[in-house]
Amino acid sequence: MKNLLKILSYIALALTIIPAFLVFKGLISDQVYKSLILAGTIGWLITAPFWIFKEKENA
């Protein structure tokens, strides 16, 4: 379960970084960029705390 959360959170993090380069190159529109950034941010905030804070508790 923890590995699945890590994978999903890294995908969400990629959705916050990669669209910036795509809009810079002119490959996607500004509206698509904003939608991908929003989806990535929400995905990261939902998935990341569950595996990040678990590791700190065990240390």
C-alpha atoms as a PDB file:
ATOM      1  CA  MET A   1       0.000   0.000   0.000  1.00  0.00           C
ATOM      2  CA  LYS A   2       2.834   2.383   0.876  1.00  0.00           C
ATOM      3  CA  ASN A   3       4.536   1.717  -2.465  1.00  0.00           C
ATOM      4  CA  LEU A   4       1.318   2.487  -4.328  1.00  0.00           C
ATOM      5  CA  LEU A   5       0.992   5.784  -2.467  1.00  0.00           C
ATOM      6  CA  LYS A   6       4.583   6.654  -3.337  1.00  0.00           C
ATOM      7  CA  ILE A   7       4.006   5.943  -7.019  1.00  0.00           C
ATOM      8  CA  LEU A   8       0.788   7.963  -7.094  1.00  0.00           C
ATOM      9  CA  SER A   9       2.380  10.879  -5.270  1.00  0.00           C
ATOM     10  CA  TYR A  10       5.352  10.958  -7.620  1.00  0.00           C
ATOM     11  CA  ILE A  11       2.994  10.925 -10.616  1.00  0.00           C
ATOM     12  CA  ALA A  12       1.094  13.814  -9.050  1.00  0.00           C
ATOM     13  CA  LEU A  13       4.354  15.651  -8.452  1.00  0.00           C
ATOM     14  CA  ALA A  14       5.275  15.147 -12.092  1.00  0.00           C
ATOM     15  CA  LEU A  15       1.911  16.691 -13.015  1.00  0.00           C
ATOM     16  CA  THR A  16       3.014  19.844 -11.247  1.00  0.00           C
ATOM     17  CA  ILE A  17       6.405  20.056 -12.967  1.00  0.00           C
ATOM     18  CA  ILE A  18       6.123  18.675 -16.509  1.00  0.00           C
ATOM     19  CA  PRO A  19       3.231  20.909 -17.697  1.00  0.00           C
ATOM     20  CA  ALA A  20       5.339  24.013 -17.004  1.00  0.00           C
ATOM     21  CA  PHE A  21       7.856  22.871 -19.595  1.00  0.00           C
ATOM     22  CA  LEU A  22       5.114  21.907 -22.041  1.00  0.00           C
ATOM     23  CA  VAL A  23       3.432  25.313 -21.861  1.00  0.00           C
ATOM     24  CA  PHE A  24       6.834  27.000 -22.198  1.00  0.00           C
ATOM     25  CA  LYS A  25       7.438  25.066 -25.414  1.00  0.00           C
ATOM     26  CA  GLY A  26       3.920  25.942 -26.615  1.00  0.00           C
ATOM     27  CA  LEU A  27       2.701  22.338 -26.718  1.00  0.00           C
ATOM     28  CA  ILE A  28      -0.299  22.816 -24.392  1.00  0.00           C
ATOM     29  CA  SER A  29      -2.629  25.722 -23.733  1.00  0.00           C
ATOM     30  CA  ASP A  30      -2.737  27.782 -20.582  1.00  0.00           C
ATOM     31  CA  GLN A  31      -6.077  26.278 -19.518  1.00  0.00           C
ATOM     32  CA  VAL A  32      -4.769  22.711 -19.839  1.00  0.00           C
ATOM     33  CA  TYR A  33      -1.675  23.760 -17.886  1.00  0.00           C
ATOM     34  CA  LYS A  34      -3.788  25.119 -15.042  1.00  0.00           C
ATOM     35  CA  SER A  35      -5.930  21.986 -14.942  1.00  0.00           C
ATOM     36  CA  LEU A  36      -2.904  19.673 -14.813  1.00  0.00           C
ATOM     37  CA  ILE A  37      -1.244  21.754 -12.106  1.00  0.00           C
ATOM     38  CA  LEU A  38      -4.424  21.681 -10.023  1.00  0.00           C
ATOM     39  CA  ALA A  39      -4.825  17.917 -10.451  1.00  0.00           C
ATOM     40  CA  GLY A  40      -1.182  17.330  -9.554  1.00  0.00           C
ATOM     41  CA  THR A  41      -1.345  19.542  -6.491  1.00  0.00           C
ATOM     42  CA  ILE A  42      -4.487  17.890  -5.171  1.00  0.00           C
ATOM     43  CA  GLY A  43      -3.077  14.430  -5.891  1.00  0.00           C
ATOM     44  CA  TRP A  44       0.182  15.240  -4.111  1.00  0.00           C
ATOM     45  CA  LEU A  45      -1.553  16.682  -1.058  1.00  0.00           C
ATOM     46  CA  ILE A  46      -3.825  13.653  -0.768  1.00  0.00           C
ATOM     47  CA  THR A  47      -1.225  10.913  -1.235  1.00  0.00           C
ATOM     48  CA  ALA A  48       2.108  12.211   0.060  1.00  0.00           C
ATOM     49  CA  PRO A  49       1.350  12.760   3.764  1.00  0.00           C
ATOM     50  CA  PHE A  50       0.435   9.113   4.270  1.00  0.00           C
ATOM     51  CA  TRP A  51       3.859   7.766   3.365  1.00  0.00           C
ATOM     52  CA  ILE A  52       6.050  10.729   4.304  1.00  0.00           C
ATOM     53  CA  PHE A  53       4.870  10.963   7.902  1.00  0.00           C
ATOM     54  CA  LYS A  54       4.900   7.183   8.413  1.00  0.00           C
ATOM     55  CA  GLU A  55       8.649   7.057   7.736  1.00  0.00           C
ATOM     56  CA  LYS A  56       9.362   9.840  10.217  1.00  0.00           C
ATOM     57  CA  GLU A  57       7.416   8.059  12.954  1.00  0.00           C
ATOM     58  CA  ASN A  58       9.472   4.874  12.501  1.00  0.00           C
ATOM     59  CA  ALA A  59      12.818   6.686  12.634  1.00  0.00           C
END
